[in-house]
Amino acid sequence: MKIVENGHSVCGIIIPKEPTPRETFAAEELISYIKQISGAELRISDEYENSIIIGEPDRNEVAASIISQEEFEDSVPGPEGFIIKATENSLLLAGSSKNVGEFERGTVYAVYEFLERFLDCSLAAYCKKGVSAGEFVPKRSDISISTTTYIKNSSDVKYRTAIVQYGPWVGEPDHPLNDKFISWLAKNRYNRILTWSGVYESAKKNGMLNEME
C-alpha cells in the first residue's frame, strides 16, 4: 500500500468516530513521524483510496471490514497485544483494550512498532533539542508497505516500570527534558512510573501528569 509518493500524501488516516485520548495520540504520532520522514502530512480523513485505520474492530467500523472482532481477539488477547495488517490499499494499526487498565496502549505500540520495524526508525534514544544524539528518522520521498501481517499477541512482561528519582527530595518536575523522557518511555513500551510523591504533586500542577497519562 502506498502512503507517500514523491513527497506527497496519498493516504488518509481513519480513527474511531469517538476516539479515546490514546487513539488520537497514536494518529498524531504517526502523522508526526511520516512528516519527519517524507515531508508529507497525512490527514485524518476517509476520502482517500488508501487508508490507515487506527483502532480495533469494535471501536473502528472500517477495521471491522478487515478483521472481525472475534478473529482480532483470538489473535491479540492482550495485555497490550496489537496487530499490524497491510493489504493492497489499507493498513490496520490496532491494539487490544479489553484487559483491565489497558487503555489502548497496544494501539500506540502498534504505531511505534510500525515505524521501527517497517520504516527503519530508531526510537531508542532522546536528547535535548538541537543536539544530534537522539532518535534516528530516515528520509525518503516514497513510503509504501507490502501486504503483510505482524502480530504481537500480548506483552512479554506485564509491568515495565521506570523508577524516576531526582537528587533533591522534590526533584526537578519542570526540567526541560521531562517531556522527551516521558515520550521515550512510551516509545520503549514502559507502562508504569514510580517517583517521589512531591514530584507527583508538582506534575499535577505543571501538566506533566497529563503527558504521562
N, C-alpha and C. Protein backbone atom coordinates (compact mmCIF):
# COMPACT_ATOMS: atom_id res chain seq x y z
N MET A 1 0.83 -1.19 0.00
CA MET A 1 0.00 0.00 0.00
C MET A 1 0.87 1.24 0.00
N LYS A 2 0.51 2.22 -0.82
CA LYS A 2 1.25 3.47 -0.88
C LYS A 2 0.74 4.44 0.19
N ILE A 3 1.68 5.03 0.91
CA ILE A 3 1.36 6.02 1.93
C ILE A 3 1.79 7.41 1.48
N VAL A 4 3.01 7.48 0.94
CA VAL A 4 3.55 8.74 0.42
C VAL A 4 4.20 8.47 -0.93
N GLU A 5 3.96 9.34 -1.89
CA GLU A 5 4.55 9.20 -3.22
C GLU A 5 5.11 10.54 -3.66
N ASN A 6 6.41 10.54 -3.99
CA ASN A 6 7.10 11.77 -4.41
C ASN A 6 6.90 12.92 -3.42
N GLY A 7 6.94 12.58 -2.13
CA GLY A 7 6.82 13.60 -1.10
C GLY A 7 5.42 14.09 -0.84
N HIS A 8 4.42 13.44 -1.43
CA HIS A 8 3.03 13.86 -1.25
C HIS A 8 2.21 12.71 -0.66
N SER A 9 1.34 13.05 0.26
CA SER A 9 0.48 12.04 0.88
C SER A 9 -0.52 11.49 -0.13
N VAL A 10 -0.65 10.16 -0.17
CA VAL A 10 -1.67 9.51 -1.00
C VAL A 10 -2.52 8.60 -0.13
N CYS A 11 -2.60 8.97 1.15
CA CYS A 11 -3.24 8.09 2.12
C CYS A 11 -3.88 8.94 3.22
N GLY A 12 -5.02 8.50 3.73
CA GLY A 12 -5.67 9.16 4.86
C GLY A 12 -5.65 8.26 6.08
N ILE A 13 -5.91 8.85 7.24
CA ILE A 13 -5.98 8.09 8.49
C ILE A 13 -7.43 8.10 8.97
N ILE A 14 -7.94 6.92 9.26
CA ILE A 14 -9.30 6.79 9.76
C ILE A 14 -9.24 6.37 11.22
N ILE A 15 -9.78 7.21 12.10
CA ILE A 15 -9.82 6.91 13.52
C ILE A 15 -11.27 6.63 13.93
N PRO A 16 -11.49 6.05 15.09
CA PRO A 16 -12.87 5.82 15.54
C PRO A 16 -13.67 7.12 15.59
N LYS A 17 -14.98 7.01 15.45
CA LYS A 17 -15.83 8.21 15.47
C LYS A 17 -15.75 8.94 16.80
N GLU A 18 -15.56 8.20 17.87
CA GLU A 18 -15.36 8.80 19.19
C GLU A 18 -14.04 8.26 19.76
N PRO A 19 -12.91 8.80 19.29
CA PRO A 19 -11.61 8.25 19.67
C PRO A 19 -11.27 8.53 21.13
N THR A 20 -10.55 7.61 21.73
CA THR A 20 -10.01 7.83 23.07
C THR A 20 -8.76 8.70 22.95
N PRO A 21 -8.27 9.25 24.06
CA PRO A 21 -7.03 10.02 24.00
C PRO A 21 -5.87 9.22 23.43
N ARG A 22 -5.79 7.92 23.71
CA ARG A 22 -4.68 7.10 23.18
C ARG A 22 -4.81 6.90 21.68
N GLU A 23 -6.02 6.70 21.18
CA GLU A 23 -6.20 6.53 19.74
C GLU A 23 -5.87 7.82 18.99
N THR A 24 -6.27 8.94 19.55
CA THR A 24 -5.92 10.24 18.96
C THR A 24 -4.42 10.44 18.99
N PHE A 25 -3.80 10.10 20.11
CA PHE A 25 -2.35 10.24 20.26
C PHE A 25 -1.62 9.35 19.25
N ALA A 26 -2.10 8.13 19.06
CA ALA A 26 -1.47 7.21 18.10
C ALA A 26 -1.48 7.82 16.69
N ALA A 27 -2.62 8.40 16.30
CA ALA A 27 -2.72 9.04 14.98
C ALA A 27 -1.78 10.23 14.89
N GLU A 28 -1.71 11.03 15.94
CA GLU A 28 -0.84 12.21 15.94
C GLU A 28 0.63 11.82 15.83
N GLU A 29 1.03 10.78 16.54
CA GLU A 29 2.41 10.31 16.46
C GLU A 29 2.74 9.83 15.05
N LEU A 30 1.83 9.08 14.44
CA LEU A 30 2.06 8.59 13.08
C LEU A 30 2.19 9.76 12.10
N ILE A 31 1.31 10.73 12.21
CA ILE A 31 1.36 11.92 11.35
C ILE A 31 2.69 12.63 11.52
N SER A 32 3.13 12.80 12.77
CA SER A 32 4.38 13.49 13.05
C SER A 32 5.58 12.81 12.41
N TYR A 33 5.68 11.49 12.56
CA TYR A 33 6.85 10.78 12.05
C TYR A 33 6.83 10.64 10.53
N ILE A 34 5.67 10.45 9.94
CA ILE A 34 5.60 10.40 8.47
C ILE A 34 6.06 11.74 7.89
N LYS A 35 5.70 12.83 8.55
CA LYS A 35 6.14 14.15 8.09
C LYS A 35 7.64 14.31 8.24
N GLN A 36 8.20 13.83 9.35
CA GLN A 36 9.65 13.91 9.55
C GLN A 36 10.38 13.09 8.49
N ILE A 37 9.82 11.95 8.13
CA ILE A 37 10.46 11.07 7.15
C ILE A 37 10.39 11.65 5.74
N SER A 38 9.20 12.11 5.35
CA SER A 38 8.96 12.43 3.93
C SER A 38 8.60 13.88 3.64
N GLY A 39 8.24 14.62 4.67
CA GLY A 39 7.74 15.97 4.45
C GLY A 39 6.25 16.02 4.16
N ALA A 40 5.65 14.86 3.94
CA ALA A 40 4.22 14.79 3.64
C ALA A 40 3.41 14.78 4.93
N GLU A 41 2.24 15.39 4.89
CA GLU A 41 1.39 15.44 6.07
C GLU A 41 0.12 14.64 5.84
N LEU A 42 0.02 13.53 6.55
CA LEU A 42 -1.19 12.72 6.47
C LEU A 42 -2.33 13.45 7.16
N ARG A 43 -3.54 13.20 6.70
CA ARG A 43 -4.71 13.85 7.30
C ARG A 43 -5.70 12.79 7.76
N ILE A 44 -6.42 13.13 8.82
CA ILE A 44 -7.48 12.24 9.30
C ILE A 44 -8.68 12.43 8.38
N SER A 45 -8.91 11.44 7.53
CA SER A 45 -9.96 11.52 6.52
C SER A 45 -10.21 10.15 5.93
N ASP A 46 -11.45 9.89 5.52
CA ASP A 46 -11.79 8.63 4.85
C ASP A 46 -12.02 8.85 3.36
N GLU A 47 -11.52 9.95 2.83
CA GLU A 47 -11.75 10.30 1.43
C GLU A 47 -10.62 9.86 0.51
N TYR A 48 -9.71 9.06 1.02
CA TYR A 48 -8.59 8.56 0.22
C TYR A 48 -8.85 7.11 -0.18
N GLU A 49 -8.28 6.72 -1.31
CA GLU A 49 -8.39 5.32 -1.74
C GLU A 49 -7.59 4.43 -0.81
N ASN A 50 -6.42 4.93 -0.36
CA ASN A 50 -5.58 4.20 0.59
C ASN A 50 -5.82 4.76 1.98
N SER A 51 -5.94 3.88 2.97
CA SER A 51 -6.26 4.35 4.31
C SER A 51 -5.47 3.59 5.37
N ILE A 52 -5.06 4.32 6.40
CA ILE A 52 -4.50 3.73 7.61
C ILE A 52 -5.60 3.77 8.66
N ILE A 53 -5.92 2.63 9.22
CA ILE A 53 -7.03 2.53 10.17
C ILE A 53 -6.46 2.35 11.57
N ILE A 54 -6.87 3.24 12.46
CA ILE A 54 -6.42 3.20 13.85
C ILE A 54 -7.54 2.67 14.74
N GLY A 55 -7.26 1.61 15.50
CA GLY A 55 -8.24 1.11 16.44
C GLY A 55 -8.80 -0.24 16.07
N GLU A 56 -9.21 -0.99 17.07
CA GLU A 56 -9.69 -2.35 16.87
C GLU A 56 -11.11 -2.37 16.27
N PRO A 57 -11.57 -3.52 15.78
CA PRO A 57 -12.84 -3.59 15.03
C PRO A 57 -14.07 -3.05 15.76
N ASP A 58 -14.19 -3.30 17.06
CA ASP A 58 -15.39 -2.81 17.72
C ASP A 58 -15.30 -1.34 18.12
N ARG A 59 -14.17 -0.72 17.80
CA ARG A 59 -14.02 0.72 18.02
C ARG A 59 -13.98 1.49 16.70
N ASN A 60 -13.60 0.81 15.64
CA ASN A 60 -13.50 1.45 14.33
C ASN A 60 -14.20 0.55 13.31
N GLU A 61 -15.31 1.01 12.76
CA GLU A 61 -16.10 0.16 11.88
C GLU A 61 -15.35 -0.18 10.59
N VAL A 62 -14.41 0.65 10.18
CA VAL A 62 -13.63 0.33 8.98
C VAL A 62 -12.69 -0.83 9.28
N ALA A 63 -12.15 -0.89 10.50
CA ALA A 63 -11.31 -2.02 10.90
C ALA A 63 -12.09 -3.32 10.84
N ALA A 64 -13.37 -3.25 11.14
CA ALA A 64 -14.22 -4.45 11.13
C ALA A 64 -14.37 -5.02 9.72
N SER A 65 -14.13 -4.21 8.69
CA SER A 65 -14.20 -4.71 7.33
C SER A 65 -12.92 -5.46 6.94
N ILE A 66 -11.90 -5.35 7.78
CA ILE A 66 -10.62 -6.01 7.51
C ILE A 66 -10.46 -7.27 8.35
N ILE A 67 -10.92 -7.21 9.60
CA ILE A 67 -10.81 -8.35 10.50
C ILE A 67 -11.98 -8.29 11.48
N SER A 68 -12.60 -9.42 11.74
CA SER A 68 -13.72 -9.44 12.67
C SER A 68 -13.22 -9.26 14.10
N GLN A 69 -14.10 -8.80 14.98
CA GLN A 69 -13.70 -8.62 16.38
C GLN A 69 -13.31 -9.95 17.00
N GLU A 70 -14.03 -11.02 16.65
CA GLU A 70 -13.72 -12.34 17.19
C GLU A 70 -12.32 -12.79 16.76
N GLU A 71 -12.02 -12.62 15.48
CA GLU A 71 -10.68 -13.00 14.98
C GLU A 71 -9.61 -12.13 15.62
N PHE A 72 -9.91 -10.84 15.77
CA PHE A 72 -8.97 -9.92 16.39
C PHE A 72 -8.66 -10.35 17.82
N GLU A 73 -9.68 -10.66 18.59
CA GLU A 73 -9.48 -11.03 19.99
C GLU A 73 -8.76 -12.37 20.12
N ASP A 74 -8.98 -13.28 19.17
CA ASP A 74 -8.25 -14.55 19.18
C ASP A 74 -6.76 -14.33 18.86
N SER A 75 -6.50 -13.38 17.97
CA SER A 75 -5.12 -13.10 17.56
C SER A 75 -4.37 -12.25 18.56
N VAL A 76 -5.10 -11.35 19.19
CA VAL A 76 -4.48 -10.35 20.08
C VAL A 76 -5.21 -10.36 21.42
N PRO A 77 -4.99 -11.37 22.25
CA PRO A 77 -5.71 -11.45 23.53
C PRO A 77 -5.22 -10.46 24.57
N GLY A 78 -4.05 -9.88 24.36
CA GLY A 78 -3.51 -8.94 25.33
C GLY A 78 -2.88 -9.66 26.50
N PRO A 79 -2.41 -8.94 27.53
CA PRO A 79 -2.49 -7.50 27.63
C PRO A 79 -1.54 -6.78 26.67
N GLU A 80 -2.00 -5.68 26.13
CA GLU A 80 -1.21 -4.80 25.27
C GLU A 80 -0.76 -5.47 23.98
N GLY A 81 -1.53 -6.45 23.51
CA GLY A 81 -1.24 -7.04 22.22
C GLY A 81 -1.66 -6.10 21.11
N PHE A 82 -1.12 -6.32 19.92
CA PHE A 82 -1.50 -5.47 18.79
C PHE A 82 -1.28 -6.20 17.47
N ILE A 83 -1.87 -5.62 16.43
CA ILE A 83 -1.74 -6.17 15.08
C ILE A 83 -1.40 -5.06 14.10
N ILE A 84 -0.52 -5.39 13.17
CA ILE A 84 -0.20 -4.54 12.02
C ILE A 84 -0.56 -5.36 10.79
N LYS A 85 -1.57 -4.93 10.06
CA LYS A 85 -2.05 -5.72 8.92
C LYS A 85 -2.17 -4.81 7.70
N ALA A 86 -1.37 -5.09 6.68
CA ALA A 86 -1.39 -4.29 5.46
C ALA A 86 -1.99 -5.10 4.32
N THR A 87 -2.92 -4.46 3.59
CA THR A 87 -3.48 -5.05 2.39
C THR A 87 -3.09 -4.14 1.21
N GLU A 88 -3.71 -4.36 0.07
CA GLU A 88 -3.35 -3.58 -1.12
C GLU A 88 -3.62 -2.09 -0.93
N ASN A 89 -4.67 -1.75 -0.19
CA ASN A 89 -4.99 -0.32 -0.02
C ASN A 89 -5.38 0.05 1.41
N SER A 90 -4.94 -0.75 2.39
CA SER A 90 -5.25 -0.41 3.77
C SER A 90 -4.14 -0.88 4.70
N LEU A 91 -4.02 -0.19 5.81
CA LEU A 91 -3.06 -0.58 6.85
C LEU A 91 -3.77 -0.45 8.19
N LEU A 92 -3.92 -1.55 8.89
CA LEU A 92 -4.57 -1.56 10.19
C LEU A 92 -3.53 -1.55 11.29
N LEU A 93 -3.64 -0.58 12.20
CA LEU A 93 -2.79 -0.49 13.37
C LEU A 93 -3.72 -0.48 14.58
N ALA A 94 -3.77 -1.60 15.30
CA ALA A 94 -4.77 -1.73 16.36
C ALA A 94 -4.25 -2.57 17.51
N GLY A 95 -4.61 -2.16 18.72
CA GLY A 95 -4.22 -2.89 19.91
C GLY A 95 -5.41 -3.28 20.75
N SER A 96 -5.22 -4.26 21.59
CA SER A 96 -6.29 -4.73 22.45
C SER A 96 -6.62 -3.68 23.51
N SER A 97 -7.85 -3.74 24.01
CA SER A 97 -8.28 -2.78 25.04
C SER A 97 -9.21 -3.42 26.05
N LYS A 98 -9.37 -4.72 26.00
CA LYS A 98 -10.36 -5.39 26.84
C LYS A 98 -9.85 -5.70 28.25
N ASN A 99 -8.54 -5.74 28.43
CA ASN A 99 -7.99 -6.07 29.74
C ASN A 99 -8.03 -4.86 30.67
N VAL A 100 -8.22 -5.10 31.93
CA VAL A 100 -8.35 -4.02 32.91
C VAL A 100 -7.11 -3.13 32.91
N GLY A 101 -7.33 -1.82 32.79
CA GLY A 101 -6.23 -0.86 32.83
C GLY A 101 -5.41 -0.78 31.56
N GLU A 102 -5.91 -1.34 30.47
CA GLU A 102 -5.11 -1.40 29.25
C GLU A 102 -5.13 -0.08 28.47
N PHE A 103 -6.28 0.53 28.35
CA PHE A 103 -6.40 1.88 27.78
C PHE A 103 -5.79 2.05 26.39
N GLU A 104 -5.95 1.07 25.52
CA GLU A 104 -5.49 1.14 24.13
C GLU A 104 -3.97 1.41 24.00
N ARG A 105 -3.19 1.06 25.01
CA ARG A 105 -1.74 1.24 24.85
C ARG A 105 -1.23 0.41 23.68
N GLY A 106 -1.86 -0.76 23.44
CA GLY A 106 -1.43 -1.59 22.32
C GLY A 106 -1.54 -0.88 20.99
N THR A 107 -2.54 -0.02 20.83
CA THR A 107 -2.69 0.73 19.59
C THR A 107 -1.54 1.72 19.42
N VAL A 108 -1.13 2.36 20.51
CA VAL A 108 0.03 3.26 20.45
C VAL A 108 1.29 2.46 20.12
N TYR A 109 1.43 1.28 20.75
CA TYR A 109 2.60 0.44 20.49
C TYR A 109 2.62 -0.05 19.04
N ALA A 110 1.45 -0.27 18.46
CA ALA A 110 1.39 -0.70 17.06
C ALA A 110 1.99 0.36 16.14
N VAL A 111 1.73 1.63 16.44
CA VAL A 111 2.30 2.72 15.64
C VAL A 111 3.82 2.73 15.78
N TYR A 112 4.32 2.64 17.00
CA TYR A 112 5.77 2.65 17.19
C TYR A 112 6.44 1.43 16.56
N GLU A 113 5.79 0.28 16.67
CA GLU A 113 6.34 -0.93 16.05
C GLU A 113 6.39 -0.78 14.53
N PHE A 114 5.35 -0.20 13.95
CA PHE A 114 5.32 0.03 12.51
C PHE A 114 6.46 0.96 12.09
N LEU A 115 6.67 2.03 12.83
CA LEU A 115 7.74 2.98 12.50
C LEU A 115 9.11 2.32 12.58
N GLU A 116 9.32 1.48 13.58
CA GLU A 116 10.62 0.86 13.76
C GLU A 116 10.82 -0.35 12.83
N ARG A 117 9.84 -1.23 12.78
CA ARG A 117 10.00 -2.49 12.05
C ARG A 117 9.91 -2.31 10.54
N PHE A 118 9.04 -1.41 10.09
CA PHE A 118 8.79 -1.30 8.65
C PHE A 118 9.34 -0.02 8.01
N LEU A 119 9.57 1.02 8.80
CA LEU A 119 10.07 2.28 8.23
C LEU A 119 11.48 2.63 8.71
N ASP A 120 12.11 1.72 9.46
CA ASP A 120 13.52 1.85 9.85
C ASP A 120 13.82 3.02 10.77
N CYS A 121 12.83 3.47 11.54
CA CYS A 121 13.10 4.47 12.56
C CYS A 121 13.77 3.79 13.77
N SER A 122 14.55 4.56 14.50
CA SER A 122 15.09 4.10 15.78
C SER A 122 14.64 5.08 16.85
N LEU A 123 13.87 4.59 17.80
CA LEU A 123 13.29 5.43 18.84
C LEU A 123 13.91 5.13 20.20
N ALA A 124 15.14 4.63 20.20
CA ALA A 124 15.75 4.12 21.42
C ALA A 124 16.54 5.15 22.20
N ALA A 125 16.57 6.41 21.76
CA ALA A 125 17.35 7.42 22.46
C ALA A 125 16.62 8.76 22.43
N TYR A 126 17.03 9.66 23.30
CA TYR A 126 16.48 11.01 23.28
C TYR A 126 17.54 11.96 23.82
N CYS A 127 17.43 13.21 23.48
CA CYS A 127 18.35 14.23 23.98
C CYS A 127 17.70 15.60 23.81
N LYS A 128 18.39 16.61 24.25
CA LYS A 128 17.81 17.95 24.17
C LYS A 128 17.72 18.41 22.72
N LYS A 129 16.81 19.33 22.48
CA LYS A 129 16.56 19.86 21.14
C LYS A 129 17.82 20.49 20.57
N GLY A 130 18.08 20.21 19.29
CA GLY A 130 19.22 20.80 18.62
C GLY A 130 20.49 19.97 18.70
N VAL A 131 20.47 18.89 19.46
CA VAL A 131 21.64 18.02 19.58
C VAL A 131 21.38 16.74 18.81
N SER A 132 22.30 16.39 17.91
CA SER A 132 22.12 15.21 17.07
C SER A 132 22.63 13.97 17.81
N ALA A 133 21.88 13.54 18.81
CA ALA A 133 22.29 12.38 19.59
C ALA A 133 21.11 11.54 20.02
N GLY A 134 19.96 11.77 19.40
CA GLY A 134 18.74 11.10 19.84
C GLY A 134 18.24 10.07 18.86
N GLU A 135 16.96 10.15 18.53
CA GLU A 135 16.34 9.18 17.63
C GLU A 135 16.92 9.28 16.22
N PHE A 136 16.76 8.19 15.49
CA PHE A 136 17.10 8.22 14.06
C PHE A 136 15.82 8.08 13.26
N VAL A 137 15.59 9.04 12.36
CA VAL A 137 14.43 9.01 11.48
C VAL A 137 14.95 9.12 10.04
N PRO A 138 14.75 8.08 9.22
CA PRO A 138 15.26 8.11 7.84
C PRO A 138 14.52 9.15 7.01
N LYS A 139 15.11 9.51 5.89
CA LYS A 139 14.49 10.46 4.97
C LYS A 139 14.21 9.74 3.65
N ARG A 140 12.99 9.85 3.19
CA ARG A 140 12.63 9.25 1.90
C ARG A 140 11.39 9.95 1.36
N SER A 141 11.29 10.00 0.05
CA SER A 141 10.16 10.69 -0.58
C SER A 141 9.01 9.74 -0.89
N ASP A 142 9.25 8.43 -0.82
CA ASP A 142 8.21 7.44 -1.05
C ASP A 142 8.12 6.51 0.14
N ILE A 143 6.91 6.23 0.58
CA ILE A 143 6.68 5.29 1.67
C ILE A 143 5.58 4.34 1.25
N SER A 144 5.86 3.06 1.30
CA SER A 144 4.85 2.06 0.99
C SER A 144 5.13 0.81 1.81
N ILE A 145 4.14 -0.04 1.92
CA ILE A 145 4.29 -1.29 2.67
C ILE A 145 3.62 -2.41 1.89
N SER A 146 4.31 -3.51 1.79
CA SER A 146 3.77 -4.67 1.09
C SER A 146 2.72 -5.36 1.95
N THR A 147 1.91 -6.18 1.31
CA THR A 147 0.89 -6.95 2.04
C THR A 147 1.56 -7.82 3.09
N THR A 148 1.14 -7.65 4.32
CA THR A 148 1.78 -8.38 5.42
C THR A 148 0.91 -8.34 6.65
N THR A 149 1.18 -9.23 7.60
CA THR A 149 0.52 -9.21 8.90
C THR A 149 1.57 -9.48 9.97
N TYR A 150 1.64 -8.58 10.94
CA TYR A 150 2.55 -8.79 12.08
C TYR A 150 1.71 -8.71 13.35
N ILE A 151 1.85 -9.70 14.21
CA ILE A 151 1.04 -9.77 15.43
C ILE A 151 1.95 -9.93 16.65
N LYS A 152 1.71 -9.10 17.64
CA LYS A 152 2.28 -9.28 18.97
C LYS A 152 1.09 -9.59 19.86
N ASN A 153 0.91 -10.85 20.21
CA ASN A 153 -0.36 -11.25 20.84
C ASN A 153 -0.53 -10.77 22.27
N SER A 154 0.57 -10.45 22.95
CA SER A 154 0.49 -9.88 24.29
C SER A 154 1.88 -9.39 24.69
N SER A 155 1.92 -8.62 25.76
CA SER A 155 3.22 -8.18 26.25
C SER A 155 3.96 -9.35 26.89
N ASP A 156 5.27 -9.33 26.83
CA ASP A 156 6.07 -10.41 27.43
C ASP A 156 6.15 -10.25 28.95
N VAL A 157 6.14 -9.01 29.40
CA VAL A 157 6.23 -8.70 30.83
C VAL A 157 5.09 -7.75 31.16
N LYS A 158 4.30 -8.07 32.18
CA LYS A 158 3.10 -7.30 32.48
C LYS A 158 3.43 -5.87 32.89
N TYR A 159 4.37 -5.69 33.81
CA TYR A 159 4.73 -4.35 34.28
C TYR A 159 6.15 -4.02 33.82
N ARG A 160 6.30 -2.88 33.19
CA ARG A 160 7.61 -2.39 32.74
C ARG A 160 7.77 -1.00 33.32
N THR A 161 8.52 -0.93 34.41
CA THR A 161 8.48 0.24 35.28
C THR A 161 9.75 1.07 35.20
N ALA A 162 9.56 2.39 35.14
CA ALA A 162 10.67 3.34 35.28
C ALA A 162 10.60 3.94 36.67
N ILE A 163 11.69 3.83 37.42
CA ILE A 163 11.76 4.45 38.74
C ILE A 163 12.43 5.80 38.56
N VAL A 164 11.63 6.85 38.63
CA VAL A 164 12.10 8.20 38.32
C VAL A 164 12.45 8.91 39.61
N GLN A 165 13.77 9.12 39.83
CA GLN A 165 14.24 9.78 41.04
C GLN A 165 15.10 10.97 40.66
N TYR A 166 15.13 11.95 41.54
CA TYR A 166 15.96 13.12 41.35
C TYR A 166 16.83 13.29 42.58
N GLY A 167 17.84 14.14 42.47
CA GLY A 167 18.73 14.39 43.61
C GLY A 167 18.00 14.99 44.80
N PRO A 168 17.38 16.16 44.63
CA PRO A 168 16.61 16.74 45.75
C PRO A 168 15.35 15.93 46.01
N TRP A 169 14.72 16.19 47.16
CA TRP A 169 13.51 15.44 47.52
C TRP A 169 12.42 15.63 46.48
N VAL A 170 12.13 16.89 46.13
CA VAL A 170 11.06 17.15 45.16
C VAL A 170 11.57 16.97 43.74
N GLY A 171 12.86 17.14 43.54
CA GLY A 171 13.41 16.94 42.21
C GLY A 171 13.20 18.11 41.29
N GLU A 172 13.13 17.82 39.99
CA GLU A 172 13.00 18.87 39.00
C GLU A 172 11.81 18.58 38.08
N PRO A 173 10.61 18.75 38.58
CA PRO A 173 9.43 18.45 37.74
C PRO A 173 9.29 19.37 36.54
N ASP A 174 10.04 20.47 36.49
CA ASP A 174 9.99 21.38 35.34
C ASP A 174 11.22 21.26 34.46
N HIS A 175 11.99 20.19 34.61
CA HIS A 175 13.19 20.00 33.80
C HIS A 175 12.82 19.97 32.32
N PRO A 176 13.58 20.67 31.46
CA PRO A 176 13.22 20.74 30.03
C PRO A 176 13.25 19.41 29.29
N LEU A 177 13.90 18.40 29.86
CA LEU A 177 13.95 17.09 29.19
C LEU A 177 12.81 16.17 29.63
N ASN A 178 11.97 16.62 30.56
CA ASN A 178 10.91 15.74 31.07
C ASN A 178 9.98 15.24 29.97
N ASP A 179 9.52 16.14 29.10
CA ASP A 179 8.61 15.73 28.03
C ASP A 179 9.24 14.68 27.13
N LYS A 180 10.52 14.89 26.79
CA LYS A 180 11.20 13.94 25.92
C LYS A 180 11.39 12.60 26.63
N PHE A 181 11.65 12.66 27.94
CA PHE A 181 11.84 11.43 28.70
C PHE A 181 10.55 10.63 28.77
N ILE A 182 9.44 11.31 29.04
CA ILE A 182 8.14 10.63 29.09
C ILE A 182 7.81 10.02 27.74
N SER A 183 8.09 10.76 26.67
CA SER A 183 7.85 10.26 25.31
C SER A 183 8.71 9.03 25.04
N TRP A 184 9.97 9.07 25.49
CA TRP A 184 10.88 7.93 25.30
C TRP A 184 10.35 6.70 26.02
N LEU A 185 9.79 6.88 27.23
CA LEU A 185 9.24 5.75 27.98
C LEU A 185 8.14 5.06 27.18
N ALA A 186 7.25 5.85 26.58
CA ALA A 186 6.15 5.27 25.81
C ALA A 186 6.67 4.54 24.58
N LYS A 187 7.62 5.16 23.88
CA LYS A 187 8.16 4.55 22.66
C LYS A 187 8.89 3.26 22.95
N ASN A 188 9.39 3.12 24.16
CA ASN A 188 10.10 1.90 24.54
C ASN A 188 9.27 0.99 25.44
N ARG A 189 7.93 1.20 25.38
CA ARG A 189 6.92 0.29 25.94
C ARG A 189 6.94 0.19 27.46
N TYR A 190 7.42 1.22 28.15
CA TYR A 190 7.22 1.27 29.59
C TYR A 190 5.74 1.54 29.85
N ASN A 191 5.21 1.01 30.93
CA ASN A 191 3.79 1.27 31.21
C ASN A 191 3.53 1.66 32.66
N ARG A 192 4.58 1.95 33.41
CA ARG A 192 4.38 2.38 34.79
C ARG A 192 5.55 3.25 35.23
N ILE A 193 5.25 4.29 36.00
CA ILE A 193 6.27 5.20 36.52
C ILE A 193 6.15 5.26 38.05
N LEU A 194 7.25 5.07 38.74
CA LEU A 194 7.31 5.26 40.19
C LEU A 194 8.19 6.48 40.47
N THR A 195 7.72 7.37 41.33
CA THR A 195 8.51 8.55 41.64
C THR A 195 8.14 9.07 43.03
N TRP A 196 8.80 10.13 43.46
CA TRP A 196 8.52 10.75 44.75
C TRP A 196 7.12 11.35 44.73
N SER A 197 6.46 11.35 45.89
CA SER A 197 5.13 11.96 45.97
C SER A 197 5.20 13.45 45.67
N GLY A 198 6.32 14.10 46.04
CA GLY A 198 6.48 15.53 45.75
C GLY A 198 6.55 15.81 44.26
N VAL A 199 7.22 14.92 43.51
CA VAL A 199 7.26 15.06 42.06
C VAL A 199 5.88 14.85 41.46
N TYR A 200 5.15 13.87 41.99
CA TYR A 200 3.79 13.60 41.52
C TYR A 200 2.89 14.81 41.73
N GLU A 201 2.95 15.41 42.90
CA GLU A 201 2.11 16.57 43.18
C GLU A 201 2.48 17.75 42.28
N SER A 202 3.76 17.93 42.03
CA SER A 202 4.19 19.00 41.13
C SER A 202 3.76 18.72 39.70
N ALA A 203 3.80 17.44 39.32
CA ALA A 203 3.40 17.06 37.96
C ALA A 203 1.93 17.33 37.71
N LYS A 204 1.11 17.24 38.74
CA LYS A 204 -0.30 17.56 38.60
C LYS A 204 -0.50 19.05 38.31
N LYS A 205 0.39 19.88 38.84
CA LYS A 205 0.25 21.33 38.69
C LYS A 205 0.79 21.84 37.36
N ASN A 206 1.88 21.24 36.86
CA ASN A 206 2.51 21.78 35.65
C ASN A 206 2.10 21.07 34.37
N GLY A 207 1.17 20.12 34.45
CA GLY A 207 0.69 19.44 33.26
C GLY A 207 1.44 18.18 32.88
N MET A 208 2.54 17.89 33.59
CA MET A 208 3.34 16.72 33.25
C MET A 208 2.58 15.43 33.48
N LEU A 209 1.67 15.42 34.49
CA LEU A 209 0.89 14.22 34.77
C LEU A 209 0.00 13.87 33.58
N ASN A 210 -0.60 14.87 32.96
CA ASN A 210 -1.43 14.63 31.77
C ASN A 210 -0.58 14.03 30.65
N GLU A 211 0.64 14.50 30.51
CA GLU A 211 1.53 13.96 29.48
C GLU A 211 1.87 12.51 29.77
N MET A 212 2.10 12.19 31.03
CA MET A 212 2.38 10.80 31.41
C MET A 212 1.18 9.91 31.08
N GLU A 213 0.00 10.38 31.44
CA GLU A 213 -1.20 9.57 31.19
C GLU A 213 -1.43 9.36 29.71
